[in-house]
């Protein structure tokens, strides 16, 4: 993660019990990209972030894409 320079987005459900959300938080903190974003989706389990909160997910994704091209 320390060598990554490309834009990167982390999305994780806060209630994920297969891959703990703390993993994405640690990766986000270790990443040295100038354009990075972390979205933790409240109430979402494993691979359920978009299904549970599509508006929040899409809003964060669009913001990330816009910031990536600026």
PDB file of N, CA and C in Angstrom:
ATOM      1  N   UNK A   1       0.818  -1.187   0.000  1.00  0.00           N
ATOM      2  CA  UNK A   1       0.000   0.000   0.000  1.00  0.00           C
ATOM      3  C   UNK A   1       0.868   1.259   0.000  1.00  0.00           C
ATOM      4  N   UNK A   2       2.025   1.174   0.581  1.00  0.00           N
ATOM      5  CA  UNK A   2       2.875   2.360   0.680  1.00  0.00           C
ATOM      6  C   UNK A   2       3.352   2.846  -0.684  1.00  0.00           C
ATOM      7  N   UNK A   3       3.363   1.984  -1.690  1.00  0.00           N
ATOM      8  CA  UNK A   3       3.858   2.353  -3.015  1.00  0.00           C
ATOM      9  C   UNK A   3       2.753   2.702  -4.006  1.00  0.00           C
ATOM     10  N   UNK A   4       1.512   2.581  -3.613  1.00  0.00           N
ATOM     11  CA  UNK A   4       0.406   2.846  -4.537  1.00  0.00           C
ATOM     12  C   UNK A   4       0.267   4.346  -4.756  1.00  0.00           C
ATOM     13  N   UNK A   5       0.228   4.727  -6.024  1.00  0.00           N
ATOM     14  CA  UNK A   5       0.061   6.136  -6.388  1.00  0.00           C
ATOM     15  C   UNK A   5      -1.227   6.362  -7.175  1.00  0.00           C
ATOM     16  N   UNK A   6      -1.888   5.302  -7.590  1.00  0.00           N
ATOM     17  CA  UNK A   6      -3.135   5.403  -8.350  1.00  0.00           C
ATOM     18  C   UNK A   6      -4.299   5.716  -7.417  1.00  0.00           C
ATOM     19  N   UNK A   7      -5.369   6.330  -7.945  1.00  0.00           N
ATOM     20  CA  UNK A   7      -6.581   6.531  -7.139  1.00  0.00           C
ATOM     21  C   UNK A   7      -7.135   5.178  -6.681  1.00  0.00           C
ATOM     22  N   UNK A   8      -7.606   5.136  -5.458  1.00  0.00           N
ATOM     23  CA  UNK A   8      -8.137   3.881  -4.916  1.00  0.00           C
ATOM     24  C   UNK A   8      -9.291   4.180  -3.962  1.00  0.00           C
ATOM     25  N   UNK A   9     -10.294   3.340  -4.028  1.00  0.00           N
ATOM     26  CA  UNK A   9     -11.470   3.495  -3.165  1.00  0.00           C
ATOM     27  C   UNK A   9     -11.703   2.191  -2.418  1.00  0.00           C
ATOM     28  N   UNK A  10     -11.939   2.307  -1.131  1.00  0.00           N
ATOM     29  CA  UNK A  10     -12.240   1.166  -0.285  1.00  0.00           C
ATOM     30  C   UNK A  10     -13.699   1.294   0.152  1.00  0.00           C
ATOM     31  N   UNK A  11     -14.461   0.240  -0.027  1.00  0.00           N
ATOM     32  CA  UNK A  11     -15.856   0.216   0.417  1.00  0.00           C
ATOM     33  C   UNK A  11     -16.033  -1.043   1.238  1.00  0.00           C
ATOM     34  N   UNK A  12     -16.588  -0.877   2.431  1.00  0.00           N
ATOM     35  CA  UNK A  12     -16.712  -2.021   3.329  1.00  0.00           C
ATOM     36  C   UNK A  12     -17.967  -1.894   4.183  1.00  0.00           C
ATOM     37  N   UNK A  13     -18.657  -2.981   4.365  1.00  0.00           N
ATOM     38  CA  UNK A  13     -19.802  -3.013   5.265  1.00  0.00           C
ATOM     39  C   UNK A  13     -19.328  -3.090   6.709  1.00  0.00           C
ATOM     40  N   UNK A  14     -19.891  -2.268   7.552  1.00  0.00           N
ATOM     41  CA  UNK A  14     -19.482  -2.256   8.961  1.00  0.00           C
ATOM     42  C   UNK A  14     -19.828  -3.546   9.696  1.00  0.00           C
ATOM     43  N   UNK A  15     -20.820  -4.289   9.196  1.00  0.00           N
ATOM     44  CA  UNK A  15     -21.230  -5.534   9.849  1.00  0.00           C
ATOM     45  C   UNK A  15     -20.680  -6.776   9.153  1.00  0.00           C
ATOM     46  N   UNK A  16     -19.665  -6.603   8.320  1.00  0.00           N
ATOM     47  CA  UNK A  16     -19.033  -7.731   7.628  1.00  0.00           C
ATOM     48  C   UNK A  16     -18.338  -8.614   8.655  1.00  0.00           C
ATOM     49  N   UNK A  17     -18.671  -9.890   8.654  1.00  0.00           N
ATOM     50  CA  UNK A  17     -18.065 -10.836   9.592  1.00  0.00           C
ATOM     51  C   UNK A  17     -17.095 -11.789   8.895  1.00  0.00           C
ATOM     52  N   UNK A  18     -17.031 -11.753   7.558  1.00  0.00           N
ATOM     53  CA  UNK A  18     -16.084 -12.590   6.810  1.00  0.00           C
ATOM     54  C   UNK A  18     -14.737 -11.888   6.677  1.00  0.00           C
ATOM     55  N   UNK A  19     -14.778 -10.641   6.266  1.00  0.00           N
ATOM     56  CA  UNK A  19     -13.584  -9.795   6.182  1.00  0.00           C
ATOM     57  C   UNK A  19     -13.885  -8.582   7.051  1.00  0.00           C
ATOM     58  N   UNK A  20     -13.198  -8.456   8.130  1.00  0.00           N
ATOM     59  CA  UNK A  20     -13.513  -7.406   9.094  1.00  0.00           C
ATOM     60  C   UNK A  20     -13.250  -6.020   8.523  1.00  0.00           C
ATOM     61  N   UNK A  21     -14.129  -5.065   8.826  1.00  0.00           N
ATOM     62  CA  UNK A  21     -13.979  -3.701   8.319  1.00  0.00           C
ATOM     63  C   UNK A  21     -12.642  -3.057   8.696  1.00  0.00           C
ATOM     64  N   UNK A  22     -12.080  -3.471   9.805  1.00  0.00           N
ATOM     65  CA  UNK A  22     -10.802  -2.917  10.237  1.00  0.00           C
ATOM     66  C   UNK A  22      -9.707  -3.147   9.191  1.00  0.00           C
ATOM     67  N   UNK A  23      -9.855  -4.202   8.381  1.00  0.00           N
ATOM     68  CA  UNK A  23      -8.878  -4.466   7.326  1.00  0.00           C
ATOM     69  C   UNK A  23      -8.862  -3.328   6.308  1.00  0.00           C
ATOM     70  N   UNK A  24     -10.036  -2.871   5.906  1.00  0.00           N
ATOM     71  CA  UNK A  24     -10.098  -1.761   4.955  1.00  0.00           C
ATOM     72  C   UNK A  24      -9.595  -0.466   5.580  1.00  0.00           C
ATOM     73  N   UNK A  25      -9.878  -0.264   6.836  1.00  0.00           N
ATOM     74  CA  UNK A  25      -9.397   0.936   7.533  1.00  0.00           C
ATOM     75  C   UNK A  25      -7.870   0.935   7.564  1.00  0.00           C
ATOM     76  N   UNK A  26      -7.277  -0.206   7.880  1.00  0.00           N
ATOM     77  CA  UNK A  26      -5.817  -0.311   7.921  1.00  0.00           C
ATOM     78  C   UNK A  26      -5.203  -0.084   6.546  1.00  0.00           C
ATOM     79  N   UNK A  27      -5.818  -0.670   5.509  1.00  0.00           N
ATOM     80  CA  UNK A  27      -5.321  -0.478   4.144  1.00  0.00           C
ATOM     81  C   UNK A  27      -5.416   0.991   3.735  1.00  0.00           C
ATOM     82  N   UNK A  28      -6.548   1.618   4.060  1.00  0.00           N
ATOM     83  CA  UNK A  28      -6.744   3.028   3.736  1.00  0.00           C
ATOM     84  C   UNK A  28      -5.652   3.887   4.387  1.00  0.00           C
ATOM     85  N   UNK A  29      -5.394   3.655   5.653  1.00  0.00           N
ATOM     86  CA  UNK A  29      -4.388   4.441   6.373  1.00  0.00           C
ATOM     87  C   UNK A  29      -2.980   4.211   5.826  1.00  0.00           C
ATOM     88  N   UNK A  30      -2.708   2.999   5.372  1.00  0.00           N
ATOM     89  CA  UNK A  30      -1.376   2.667   4.858  1.00  0.00           C
ATOM     90  C   UNK A  30      -1.154   3.144   3.427  1.00  0.00           C
ATOM     91  N   UNK A  31      -2.226   3.447   2.722  1.00  0.00           N
ATOM     92  CA  UNK A  31      -2.146   3.830   1.313  1.00  0.00           C
ATOM     93  C   UNK A  31      -1.614   5.255   1.160  1.00  0.00           C
ATOM     94  N   UNK A  32      -0.662   5.420   0.258  1.00  0.00           N
ATOM     95  CA  UNK A  32      -0.057   6.736   0.040  1.00  0.00           C
ATOM     96  C   UNK A  32      -0.590   7.460  -1.188  1.00  0.00           C
ATOM     97  N   UNK A  33      -1.648   6.981  -1.770  1.00  0.00           N
ATOM     98  CA  UNK A  33      -2.233   7.656  -2.927  1.00  0.00           C
ATOM     99  C   UNK A  33      -2.757   9.024  -2.509  1.00  0.00           C
ATOM    100  N   UNK A  34      -2.614  10.004  -3.409  1.00  0.00           N
ATOM    101  CA  UNK A  34      -3.158  11.334  -3.148  1.00  0.00           C
ATOM    102  C   UNK A  34      -4.671  11.360  -3.284  1.00  0.00           C
ATOM    103  N   UNK A  35      -5.211  10.398  -4.022  1.00  0.00           N
ATOM    104  CA  UNK A  35      -6.657  10.302  -4.219  1.00  0.00           C
ATOM    105  C   UNK A  35      -7.100   8.948  -3.681  1.00  0.00           C
ATOM    106  N   UNK A  36      -7.695   8.988  -2.500  1.00  0.00           N
ATOM    107  CA  UNK A  36      -8.193   7.756  -1.888  1.00  0.00           C
ATOM    108  C   UNK A  36      -9.445   8.090  -1.109  1.00  0.00           C
ATOM    109  N   UNK A  37     -10.314   7.086  -0.993  1.00  0.00           N
ATOM    110  CA  UNK A  37     -11.554   7.301  -0.266  1.00  0.00           C
ATOM    111  C   UNK A  37     -11.926   6.005   0.447  1.00  0.00           C
ATOM    112  N   UNK A  38     -12.525   6.153   1.605  1.00  0.00           N
ATOM    113  CA  UNK A  38     -12.990   5.020   2.390  1.00  0.00           C
ATOM    114  C   UNK A  38     -14.460   5.232   2.710  1.00  0.00           C
ATOM    115  N   UNK A  39     -15.280   4.261   2.341  1.00  0.00           N
ATOM    116  CA  UNK A  39     -16.701   4.288   2.678  1.00  0.00           C
ATOM    117  C   UNK A  39     -17.002   3.068   3.530  1.00  0.00           C
ATOM    118  N   UNK A  40     -17.415   3.309   4.762  1.00  0.00           N
ATOM    119  CA  UNK A  40     -17.875   2.238   5.641  1.00  0.00           C
ATOM    120  C   UNK A  40     -19.394   2.340   5.707  1.00  0.00           C
ATOM    121  N   UNK A  41     -20.062   1.295   5.263  1.00  0.00           N
ATOM    122  CA  UNK A  41     -21.520   1.321   5.156  1.00  0.00           C
ATOM    123  C   UNK A  41     -22.142   0.695   6.397  1.00  0.00           C
ATOM    124  N   UNK A  42     -22.825   1.535   7.139  1.00  0.00           N
ATOM    125  CA  UNK A  42     -23.467   1.104   8.383  1.00  0.00           C
ATOM    126  C   UNK A  42     -24.522   0.031   8.111  1.00  0.00           C
ATOM    127  N   UNK A  43     -24.449  -1.047   8.886  1.00  0.00           N
ATOM    128  CA  UNK A  43     -25.453  -2.106   8.795  1.00  0.00           C
ATOM    129  C   UNK A  43     -25.222  -3.121   7.690  1.00  0.00           C
ATOM    130  N   UNK A  44     -24.225  -2.900   6.845  1.00  0.00           N
ATOM    131  CA  UNK A  44     -23.994  -3.797   5.709  1.00  0.00           C
ATOM    132  C   UNK A  44     -23.061  -4.937   6.092  1.00  0.00           C
ATOM    133  N   UNK A  45     -23.438  -6.134   5.663  1.00  0.00           N
ATOM    134  CA  UNK A  45     -22.589  -7.296   5.839  1.00  0.00           C
ATOM    135  C   UNK A  45     -21.693  -7.472   4.625  1.00  0.00           C
ATOM    136  N   UNK A  46     -21.146  -8.670   4.498  1.00  0.00           N
ATOM    137  CA  UNK A  46     -20.214  -8.979   3.414  1.00  0.00           C
ATOM    138  C   UNK A  46     -20.885  -8.844   2.053  1.00  0.00           C
ATOM    139  N   UNK A  47     -20.327  -8.028   1.194  1.00  0.00           N
ATOM    140  CA  UNK A  47     -20.780  -7.799  -0.190  1.00  0.00           C
ATOM    141  C   UNK A  47     -22.228  -7.282  -0.237  1.00  0.00           C
ATOM    142  N   UNK A  48     -22.642  -6.543   0.756  1.00  0.00           N
ATOM    143  CA  UNK A  48     -24.024  -6.045   0.801  1.00  0.00           C
ATOM    144  C   UNK A  48     -24.116  -4.520   0.839  1.00  0.00           C
ATOM    145  N   UNK A  49     -23.023  -3.829   0.712  1.00  0.00           N
ATOM    146  CA  UNK A  49     -23.030  -2.371   0.845  1.00  0.00           C
ATOM    147  C   UNK A  49     -23.945  -1.706  -0.170  1.00  0.00           C
ATOM    148  N   UNK A  50     -23.828  -2.099  -1.436  1.00  0.00           N
ATOM    149  CA  UNK A  50     -24.653  -1.467  -2.470  1.00  0.00           C
ATOM    150  C   UNK A  50     -26.121  -1.831  -2.311  1.00  0.00           C
ATOM    151  N   UNK A  51     -26.392  -3.070  -1.989  1.00  0.00           N
ATOM    152  CA  UNK A  51     -27.778  -3.524  -1.840  1.00  0.00           C
ATOM    153  C   UNK A  51     -28.469  -2.786  -0.703  1.00  0.00           C
ATOM    154  N   UNK A  52     -27.744  -2.572   0.386  1.00  0.00           N
ATOM    155  CA  UNK A  52     -28.338  -1.943   1.564  1.00  0.00           C
ATOM    156  C   UNK A  52     -28.475  -0.428   1.417  1.00  0.00           C
ATOM    157  N   UNK A  53     -27.464   0.204   0.841  1.00  0.00           N
ATOM    158  CA  UNK A  53     -27.468   1.674   0.746  1.00  0.00           C
ATOM    159  C   UNK A  53     -26.979   2.126  -0.629  1.00  0.00           C
ATOM    160  N   UNK A  54     -27.771   1.898  -1.672  1.00  0.00           N
ATOM    161  CA  UNK A  54     -27.320   2.233  -3.028  1.00  0.00           C
ATOM    162  C   UNK A  54     -27.061   3.729  -3.234  1.00  0.00           C
ATOM    163  N   UNK A  55     -27.868   4.590  -2.645  1.00  0.00           N
ATOM    164  CA  UNK A  55     -27.668   6.027  -2.831  1.00  0.00           C
ATOM    165  C   UNK A  55     -26.342   6.470  -2.233  1.00  0.00           C
ATOM    166  N   UNK A  56     -26.061   6.047  -1.017  1.00  0.00           N
ATOM    167  CA  UNK A  56     -24.814   6.407  -0.342  1.00  0.00           C
ATOM    168  C   UNK A  56     -23.604   5.869  -1.128  1.00  0.00           C
ATOM    169  N   UNK A  57     -23.723   4.639  -1.600  1.00  0.00           N
ATOM    170  CA  UNK A  57     -22.661   3.993  -2.371  1.00  0.00           C
ATOM    171  C   UNK A  57     -22.402   4.765  -3.668  1.00  0.00           C
ATOM    172  N   UNK A  58     -23.464   5.052  -4.418  1.00  0.00           N
ATOM    173  CA  UNK A  58     -23.326   5.751  -5.698  1.00  0.00           C
ATOM    174  C   UNK A  58     -22.781   7.171  -5.502  1.00  0.00           C
ATOM    175  N   UNK A  59     -23.245   7.852  -4.487  1.00  0.00           N
ATOM    176  CA  UNK A  59     -22.776   9.212  -4.201  1.00  0.00           C
ATOM    177  C   UNK A  59     -21.271   9.209  -3.916  1.00  0.00           C
ATOM    178  N   UNK A  60     -20.819   8.263  -3.087  1.00  0.00           N
ATOM    179  CA  UNK A  60     -19.400   8.170  -2.766  1.00  0.00           C
ATOM    180  C   UNK A  60     -18.586   7.793  -4.001  1.00  0.00           C
ATOM    181  N   UNK A  61     -19.109   6.903  -4.823  1.00  0.00           N
ATOM    182  CA  UNK A  61     -18.393   6.479  -6.020  1.00  0.00           C
ATOM    183  C   UNK A  61     -18.246   7.633  -7.011  1.00  0.00           C
ATOM    184  N   UNK A  62     -19.323   8.371  -7.238  1.00  0.00           N
ATOM    185  CA  UNK A  62     -19.262   9.508  -8.165  1.00  0.00           C
ATOM    186  C   UNK A  62     -18.275  10.549  -7.648  1.00  0.00           C
ATOM    187  N   UNK A  63     -18.307  10.835  -6.365  1.00  0.00           N
ATOM    188  CA  UNK A  63     -17.365  11.781  -5.765  1.00  0.00           C
ATOM    189  C   UNK A  63     -15.925  11.313  -5.975  1.00  0.00           C
ATOM    190  N   UNK A  64     -15.687  10.041  -5.783  1.00  0.00           N
ATOM    191  CA  UNK A  64     -14.359   9.469  -5.979  1.00  0.00           C
ATOM    192  C   UNK A  64     -13.900   9.628  -7.426  1.00  0.00           C
ATOM    193  N   UNK A  65     -14.763   9.316  -8.374  1.00  0.00           N
ATOM    194  CA  UNK A  65     -14.413   9.425  -9.788  1.00  0.00           C
ATOM    195  C   UNK A  65     -14.101  10.876 -10.149  1.00  0.00           C
ATOM    196  N   UNK A  66     -14.926  11.798  -9.705  1.00  0.00           N
ATOM    197  CA  UNK A  66     -14.703  13.222  -9.987  1.00  0.00           C
ATOM    198  C   UNK A  66     -13.355  13.665  -9.407  1.00  0.00           C
ATOM    199  N   UNK A  67     -13.076  13.280  -8.167  1.00  0.00           N
ATOM    200  CA  UNK A  67     -11.796  13.651  -7.544  1.00  0.00           C
ATOM    201  C   UNK A  67     -10.604  12.993  -8.239  1.00  0.00           C
ATOM    202  N   UNK A  68     -10.832  11.837  -8.841  1.00  0.00           N
ATOM    203  CA  UNK A  68      -9.756  11.115  -9.530  1.00  0.00           C
ATOM    204  C   UNK A  68      -9.312  11.803 -10.799  1.00  0.00           C
ATOM    205  N   UNK A  69     -10.220  12.544 -11.435  1.00  0.00           N
ATOM    206  CA  UNK A  69      -9.876  13.157 -12.720  1.00  0.00           C
ATOM    207  C   UNK A  69      -9.483  14.628 -12.580  1.00  0.00           C
ATOM    208  N   UNK A  70      -9.582  15.168 -11.401  1.00  0.00           N
ATOM    209  CA  UNK A  70      -9.211  16.585 -11.196  1.00  0.00           C
ATOM    210  C   UNK A  70      -7.722  16.751 -11.091  1.00  0.00           C
TER     211      UNK A  70
END
